[in-house]
Amino acid sequence: MSADDRDAVLHRDFMRGRSWGARRVSGALWGAVEC
């Protein structure tokens, strides 16, 4: 899975709003990518 695919999946899951926990994990991953 390429980085773009991974980001697309994270974004899709975030927008879908599966759960607060999933959004929190996505946020942590995005933060790690930005750092």
C-alpha atoms as a PDB file:
ATOM      1  CA  MET A   1       0.000   0.000   0.000  1.00  0.00           C
ATOM      2  CA  SER A   2       1.459   3.327  -1.025  1.00  0.00           C
ATOM      3  CA  ALA A   3       1.516   6.357   1.260  1.00  0.00           C
ATOM      4  CA  ASP A   4      -1.168   8.005  -0.878  1.00  0.00           C
ATOM      5  CA  ASP A   5      -3.430   4.969  -0.549  1.00  0.00           C
ATOM      6  CA  ARG A   6      -2.893   4.882   3.204  1.00  0.00           C
ATOM      7  CA  ASP A   7      -3.706   8.581   3.525  1.00  0.00           C
ATOM      8  CA  ALA A   8      -6.828   8.138   1.411  1.00  0.00           C
ATOM      9  CA  VAL A   9      -8.008   5.307   3.669  1.00  0.00           C
ATOM     10  CA  LEU A  10      -7.305   7.322   6.807  1.00  0.00           C
ATOM     11  CA  HIS A  11      -9.172  10.307   5.390  1.00  0.00           C
ATOM     12  CA  ARG A  12     -12.134   8.156   4.334  1.00  0.00           C
ATOM     13  CA  ASP A  13     -12.349   6.500   7.744  1.00  0.00           C
ATOM     14  CA  PHE A  14     -12.045   9.883   9.451  1.00  0.00           C
ATOM     15  CA  MET A  15     -14.837  11.389   7.354  1.00  0.00           C
ATOM     16  CA  ARG A  16     -17.005   8.329   7.935  1.00  0.00           C
ATOM     17  CA  GLY A  17     -16.596   8.884  11.659  1.00  0.00           C
ATOM     18  CA  ARG A  18     -16.550   5.215  12.674  1.00  0.00           C
ATOM     19  CA  SER A  19     -15.816   6.110  16.263  1.00  0.00           C
ATOM     20  CA  TRP A  20     -14.127   8.705  18.418  1.00  0.00           C
ATOM     21  CA  GLY A  21     -11.275   6.253  18.995  1.00  0.00           C
ATOM     22  CA  ALA A  22     -10.683   5.768  15.264  1.00  0.00           C
ATOM     23  CA  ARG A  23     -10.574   9.525  14.718  1.00  0.00           C
ATOM     24  CA  ARG A  24      -8.151   9.881  17.618  1.00  0.00           C
ATOM     25  CA  VAL A  25      -5.844   7.236  16.142  1.00  0.00           C
ATOM     26  CA  SER A  26      -6.046   8.865  12.711  1.00  0.00           C
ATOM     27  CA  GLY A  27      -5.167  12.202  14.283  1.00  0.00           C
ATOM     28  CA  ALA A  28      -2.138  10.648  15.999  1.00  0.00           C
ATOM     29  CA  LEU A  29      -0.984   9.120  12.704  1.00  0.00           C
ATOM     30  CA  TRP A  30      -1.420  12.438  10.891  1.00  0.00           C
ATOM     31  CA  GLY A  31       0.573  14.140  13.652  1.00  0.00           C
ATOM     32  CA  ALA A  32       3.384  11.599  13.290  1.00  0.00           C
ATOM     33  CA  VAL A  33       3.469  12.185   9.524  1.00  0.00           C
ATOM     34  CA  GLU A  34       3.689  15.952   9.976  1.00  0.00           C
ATOM     35  CA  CYS A  35       6.510  15.774  12.529  1.00  0.00           C
END
